[in-house]
Amino acid sequence: MPLKILGAALDHLGDFPYKNPDEVRFEKPALFIRGTHSKYVPDEALPIIGRFFPLFQLVDIEAGHWVISEKPELFRQGMCTDDGRDPKPIFLVSLAHISQLL
């Protein structure tokens, strides 16, 4: 992910109102990339993620929490469309918020 995009989004990571998915949802595509050895996004969280982000896509990568550092090429591939050229639409989510919903 280009640092310019990541830097522009950092101030807004906690802005999504994680309270009631029946009141507020993010109705655009959202990409979740999770390390399968991390405990931040367990399988039990997927139903609530689906309620807040009905168009979410999940990419699992065999890594810990710092997927981009541990497996940078797989992370890059996870962010690309099937043709490998264009980035998927993303919405950056603070994983700490997701784990608090459980």
N, C-alpha and C. Protein backbone atom coordinates (compact mmCIF):
# COMPACT_ATOMS: atom_id res chain seq x y z
N MET A 1 0.85 -1.16 0.00
CA MET A 1 0.00 0.00 0.00
C MET A 1 0.90 1.23 0.00
N PRO A 2 0.64 2.17 -0.88
CA PRO A 2 1.46 3.39 -0.88
C PRO A 2 1.35 4.13 0.46
N LEU A 3 2.48 4.60 0.95
CA LEU A 3 2.50 5.30 2.24
C LEU A 3 1.61 6.53 2.23
N LYS A 4 1.49 7.18 1.09
CA LYS A 4 0.64 8.37 0.99
C LYS A 4 -0.82 8.02 1.32
N ILE A 5 -1.30 6.89 0.82
CA ILE A 5 -2.68 6.46 1.09
C ILE A 5 -2.83 6.06 2.54
N LEU A 6 -1.90 5.27 3.04
CA LEU A 6 -1.96 4.84 4.43
C LEU A 6 -1.89 6.04 5.38
N GLY A 7 -0.96 6.96 5.11
CA GLY A 7 -0.82 8.14 5.95
C GLY A 7 -2.07 8.99 5.98
N ALA A 8 -2.74 9.12 4.84
CA ALA A 8 -3.96 9.93 4.77
C ALA A 8 -5.10 9.28 5.55
N ALA A 9 -5.07 7.97 5.71
CA ALA A 9 -6.16 7.27 6.38
C ALA A 9 -5.94 7.10 7.88
N LEU A 10 -4.74 7.24 8.36
CA LEU A 10 -4.45 6.93 9.76
C LEU A 10 -5.26 7.75 10.75
N ASP A 11 -5.47 9.02 10.46
CA ASP A 11 -6.23 9.86 11.39
C ASP A 11 -7.69 9.42 11.51
N HIS A 12 -8.17 8.65 10.56
CA HIS A 12 -9.59 8.29 10.53
C HIS A 12 -9.86 6.84 10.92
N LEU A 13 -8.83 6.12 11.37
CA LEU A 13 -9.03 4.70 11.69
C LEU A 13 -10.10 4.48 12.74
N GLY A 14 -10.20 5.35 13.71
CA GLY A 14 -11.18 5.15 14.77
C GLY A 14 -12.49 5.86 14.54
N ASP A 15 -12.72 6.43 13.36
CA ASP A 15 -13.90 7.24 13.12
C ASP A 15 -15.17 6.44 12.88
N PHE A 16 -15.08 5.18 12.43
CA PHE A 16 -16.29 4.42 12.13
C PHE A 16 -17.05 4.16 13.42
N PRO A 17 -18.35 4.43 13.45
CA PRO A 17 -19.13 4.29 14.69
C PRO A 17 -19.47 2.83 15.00
N TYR A 18 -18.57 2.14 15.67
CA TYR A 18 -18.74 0.72 15.98
C TYR A 18 -19.67 0.52 17.16
N LYS A 19 -20.93 0.76 16.96
CA LYS A 19 -21.87 0.60 18.07
C LYS A 19 -23.02 -0.32 17.70
N ASN A 20 -23.75 0.01 16.67
CA ASN A 20 -24.94 -0.75 16.32
C ASN A 20 -25.01 -0.91 14.80
N PRO A 21 -24.78 -2.12 14.28
CA PRO A 21 -24.80 -2.31 12.84
C PRO A 21 -26.20 -2.15 12.24
N ASP A 22 -27.23 -2.11 13.07
CA ASP A 22 -28.57 -1.88 12.55
C ASP A 22 -28.81 -0.40 12.28
N GLU A 23 -27.97 0.46 12.84
CA GLU A 23 -28.10 1.90 12.63
C GLU A 23 -27.14 2.42 11.57
N VAL A 24 -25.91 1.94 11.58
CA VAL A 24 -24.87 2.45 10.68
C VAL A 24 -24.08 1.28 10.12
N ARG A 25 -23.94 1.27 8.81
CA ARG A 25 -23.12 0.26 8.13
C ARG A 25 -22.25 0.93 7.10
N PHE A 26 -21.16 0.26 6.75
CA PHE A 26 -20.33 0.70 5.64
C PHE A 26 -20.76 -0.13 4.45
N GLU A 27 -21.49 0.47 3.52
CA GLU A 27 -22.14 -0.25 2.43
C GLU A 27 -21.31 -0.31 1.15
N LYS A 28 -20.00 -0.15 1.29
CA LYS A 28 -19.11 -0.26 0.13
C LYS A 28 -18.18 -1.44 0.37
N PRO A 29 -17.46 -1.87 -0.66
CA PRO A 29 -16.53 -2.99 -0.45
C PRO A 29 -15.50 -2.66 0.63
N ALA A 30 -15.22 -3.64 1.47
CA ALA A 30 -14.22 -3.49 2.52
C ALA A 30 -13.37 -4.75 2.51
N LEU A 31 -12.08 -4.57 2.53
CA LEU A 31 -11.15 -5.70 2.49
C LEU A 31 -10.52 -5.90 3.86
N PHE A 32 -10.63 -7.10 4.38
CA PHE A 32 -9.98 -7.47 5.63
C PHE A 32 -8.88 -8.47 5.30
N ILE A 33 -7.66 -8.13 5.62
CA ILE A 33 -6.54 -9.05 5.48
C ILE A 33 -6.12 -9.41 6.89
N ARG A 34 -6.18 -10.70 7.19
CA ARG A 34 -5.82 -11.10 8.55
C ARG A 34 -4.74 -12.17 8.53
N GLY A 35 -3.89 -12.09 9.52
CA GLY A 35 -2.91 -13.14 9.74
C GLY A 35 -3.58 -14.25 10.52
N THR A 36 -3.48 -15.45 10.03
CA THR A 36 -4.19 -16.56 10.66
C THR A 36 -3.64 -16.91 12.04
N HIS A 37 -2.44 -16.42 12.37
CA HIS A 37 -1.87 -16.68 13.70
C HIS A 37 -2.13 -15.52 14.67
N SER A 38 -2.84 -14.51 14.21
CA SER A 38 -3.18 -13.37 15.06
C SER A 38 -4.54 -13.63 15.71
N LYS A 39 -4.72 -13.07 16.88
CA LYS A 39 -6.00 -13.24 17.59
C LYS A 39 -6.92 -12.04 17.43
N TYR A 40 -6.52 -11.05 16.61
CA TYR A 40 -7.31 -9.83 16.49
C TYR A 40 -8.62 -10.01 15.73
N VAL A 41 -8.66 -10.88 14.74
CA VAL A 41 -9.89 -11.10 13.98
C VAL A 41 -10.17 -12.60 13.96
N PRO A 42 -10.73 -13.11 15.07
CA PRO A 42 -11.03 -14.53 15.12
C PRO A 42 -12.24 -14.86 14.25
N ASP A 43 -12.41 -16.13 13.95
CA ASP A 43 -13.57 -16.54 13.15
C ASP A 43 -14.88 -16.09 13.79
N GLU A 44 -14.90 -16.03 15.11
CA GLU A 44 -16.13 -15.63 15.80
C GLU A 44 -16.52 -14.18 15.49
N ALA A 45 -15.56 -13.38 15.02
CA ALA A 45 -15.84 -11.98 14.71
C ALA A 45 -16.44 -11.80 13.32
N LEU A 46 -16.35 -12.81 12.47
CA LEU A 46 -16.81 -12.64 11.08
C LEU A 46 -18.30 -12.29 10.96
N PRO A 47 -19.20 -12.89 11.76
CA PRO A 47 -20.60 -12.48 11.64
C PRO A 47 -20.83 -10.99 11.96
N ILE A 48 -20.18 -10.47 13.00
CA ILE A 48 -20.38 -9.05 13.33
C ILE A 48 -19.70 -8.17 12.29
N ILE A 49 -18.56 -8.60 11.76
CA ILE A 49 -17.93 -7.85 10.68
C ILE A 49 -18.90 -7.78 9.50
N GLY A 50 -19.54 -8.89 9.18
CA GLY A 50 -20.51 -8.92 8.08
C GLY A 50 -21.70 -8.02 8.31
N ARG A 51 -22.07 -7.80 9.55
CA ARG A 51 -23.19 -6.89 9.83
C ARG A 51 -22.77 -5.44 9.62
N PHE A 52 -21.56 -5.09 10.05
CA PHE A 52 -21.07 -3.72 9.85
C PHE A 52 -20.61 -3.47 8.42
N PHE A 53 -20.06 -4.50 7.79
CA PHE A 53 -19.48 -4.38 6.45
C PHE A 53 -20.08 -5.46 5.55
N PRO A 54 -21.32 -5.30 5.10
CA PRO A 54 -21.99 -6.37 4.36
C PRO A 54 -21.29 -6.77 3.06
N LEU A 55 -20.44 -5.92 2.52
CA LEU A 55 -19.73 -6.25 1.28
C LEU A 55 -18.26 -6.59 1.53
N PHE A 56 -17.96 -7.05 2.75
CA PHE A 56 -16.55 -7.29 3.07
C PHE A 56 -16.03 -8.54 2.38
N GLN A 57 -14.74 -8.50 2.12
CA GLN A 57 -14.02 -9.64 1.58
C GLN A 57 -12.89 -9.94 2.55
N LEU A 58 -12.65 -11.21 2.80
CA LEU A 58 -11.62 -11.62 3.75
C LEU A 58 -10.49 -12.33 3.00
N VAL A 59 -9.27 -11.92 3.28
CA VAL A 59 -8.09 -12.60 2.77
C VAL A 59 -7.30 -13.10 3.97
N ASP A 60 -7.14 -14.40 4.07
CA ASP A 60 -6.36 -15.01 5.14
C ASP A 60 -4.94 -15.27 4.64
N ILE A 61 -3.97 -14.89 5.46
CA ILE A 61 -2.57 -15.13 5.15
C ILE A 61 -1.94 -15.77 6.37
N GLU A 62 -1.20 -16.85 6.15
CA GLU A 62 -0.55 -17.54 7.26
C GLU A 62 0.58 -16.67 7.80
N ALA A 63 0.24 -15.89 8.82
CA ALA A 63 1.17 -14.94 9.44
C ALA A 63 0.60 -14.53 10.78
N GLY A 64 1.37 -13.73 11.50
CA GLY A 64 0.89 -13.16 12.75
C GLY A 64 0.15 -11.86 12.48
N HIS A 65 0.13 -10.99 13.48
CA HIS A 65 -0.60 -9.71 13.36
C HIS A 65 0.02 -8.79 12.31
N TRP A 66 1.33 -8.77 12.19
CA TRP A 66 2.01 -7.85 11.27
C TRP A 66 2.21 -8.50 9.91
N VAL A 67 1.10 -8.78 9.24
CA VAL A 67 1.11 -9.49 7.97
C VAL A 67 2.01 -8.79 6.95
N ILE A 68 1.90 -7.48 6.86
CA ILE A 68 2.66 -6.75 5.85
C ILE A 68 4.17 -6.88 6.07
N SER A 69 4.60 -7.02 7.32
CA SER A 69 6.03 -7.19 7.60
C SER A 69 6.47 -8.64 7.44
N GLU A 70 5.62 -9.56 7.85
CA GLU A 70 5.99 -10.97 7.82
C GLU A 70 5.89 -11.58 6.42
N LYS A 71 4.87 -11.18 5.68
CA LYS A 71 4.64 -11.76 4.35
C LYS A 71 4.26 -10.65 3.36
N PRO A 72 5.20 -9.75 3.06
CA PRO A 72 4.85 -8.59 2.23
C PRO A 72 4.33 -8.94 0.84
N GLU A 73 4.85 -9.95 0.21
CA GLU A 73 4.38 -10.29 -1.14
C GLU A 73 2.97 -10.87 -1.10
N LEU A 74 2.69 -11.72 -0.13
CA LEU A 74 1.33 -12.25 0.01
C LEU A 74 0.35 -11.14 0.37
N PHE A 75 0.79 -10.19 1.20
CA PHE A 75 -0.05 -9.05 1.52
C PHE A 75 -0.37 -8.25 0.26
N ARG A 76 0.63 -7.98 -0.55
CA ARG A 76 0.43 -7.25 -1.81
C ARG A 76 -0.53 -8.01 -2.71
N GLN A 77 -0.35 -9.32 -2.83
CA GLN A 77 -1.23 -10.12 -3.66
C GLN A 77 -2.66 -10.08 -3.13
N GLY A 78 -2.81 -10.08 -1.81
CA GLY A 78 -4.14 -10.04 -1.20
C GLY A 78 -4.87 -8.75 -1.48
N MET A 79 -4.12 -7.69 -1.72
CA MET A 79 -4.73 -6.38 -2.00
C MET A 79 -5.05 -6.17 -3.46
N CYS A 80 -4.61 -7.07 -4.33
CA CYS A 80 -4.79 -6.88 -5.77
C CYS A 80 -5.98 -7.68 -6.27
N THR A 81 -6.56 -7.21 -7.35
CA THR A 81 -7.63 -7.94 -8.01
C THR A 81 -7.06 -9.21 -8.61
N ASP A 82 -7.93 -10.07 -9.11
CA ASP A 82 -7.50 -11.36 -9.62
C ASP A 82 -6.49 -11.24 -10.76
N ASP A 83 -6.55 -10.15 -11.52
CA ASP A 83 -5.57 -9.99 -12.59
C ASP A 83 -4.24 -9.48 -12.05
N GLY A 84 -4.18 -9.16 -10.74
CA GLY A 84 -2.93 -8.77 -10.10
C GLY A 84 -2.49 -7.34 -10.35
N ARG A 85 -3.32 -6.55 -11.02
CA ARG A 85 -2.89 -5.21 -11.40
C ARG A 85 -3.49 -4.12 -10.54
N ASP A 86 -4.77 -4.16 -10.32
CA ASP A 86 -5.44 -3.06 -9.64
C ASP A 86 -5.66 -3.39 -8.17
N PRO A 87 -5.50 -2.39 -7.31
CA PRO A 87 -5.80 -2.65 -5.89
C PRO A 87 -7.29 -2.81 -5.69
N LYS A 88 -7.66 -3.67 -4.74
CA LYS A 88 -9.06 -3.83 -4.38
C LYS A 88 -9.48 -2.59 -3.61
N PRO A 89 -10.78 -2.27 -3.65
CA PRO A 89 -11.24 -1.14 -2.81
C PRO A 89 -11.01 -1.50 -1.34
N ILE A 90 -10.51 -0.55 -0.58
CA ILE A 90 -10.24 -0.86 0.82
C ILE A 90 -10.84 0.21 1.73
N PHE A 91 -11.10 -0.21 2.93
CA PHE A 91 -11.52 0.67 4.01
C PHE A 91 -10.69 0.21 5.20
N LEU A 92 -9.81 1.07 5.70
CA LEU A 92 -8.94 0.67 6.80
C LEU A 92 -9.72 0.64 8.10
N VAL A 93 -9.57 -0.45 8.81
CA VAL A 93 -10.32 -0.67 10.04
C VAL A 93 -9.34 -0.93 11.17
N SER A 94 -9.57 -0.28 12.28
CA SER A 94 -8.77 -0.57 13.46
C SER A 94 -9.23 -1.90 14.02
N LEU A 95 -8.36 -2.90 13.99
CA LEU A 95 -8.74 -4.23 14.45
C LEU A 95 -9.03 -4.26 15.94
N ALA A 96 -8.52 -3.31 16.67
CA ALA A 96 -8.83 -3.26 18.10
C ALA A 96 -10.32 -3.04 18.31
N HIS A 97 -10.96 -2.27 17.45
CA HIS A 97 -12.40 -2.05 17.56
C HIS A 97 -13.17 -3.35 17.33
N ILE A 98 -12.76 -4.14 16.36
CA ILE A 98 -13.45 -5.38 16.04
C ILE A 98 -13.36 -6.34 17.23
N SER A 99 -12.18 -6.49 17.81
CA SER A 99 -12.02 -7.44 18.92
C SER A 99 -12.83 -7.00 20.13
N GLN A 100 -13.11 -5.72 20.30
CA GLN A 100 -13.90 -5.24 21.43
C GLN A 100 -15.38 -5.59 21.29
N LEU A 101 -15.84 -5.92 20.08
CA LEU A 101 -17.24 -6.23 19.86
C LEU A 101 -17.61 -7.64 20.32
N LEU A 102 -16.61 -8.48 20.52
CA LEU A 102 -16.88 -9.87 20.89
C LEU A 102 -17.16 -10.01 22.36
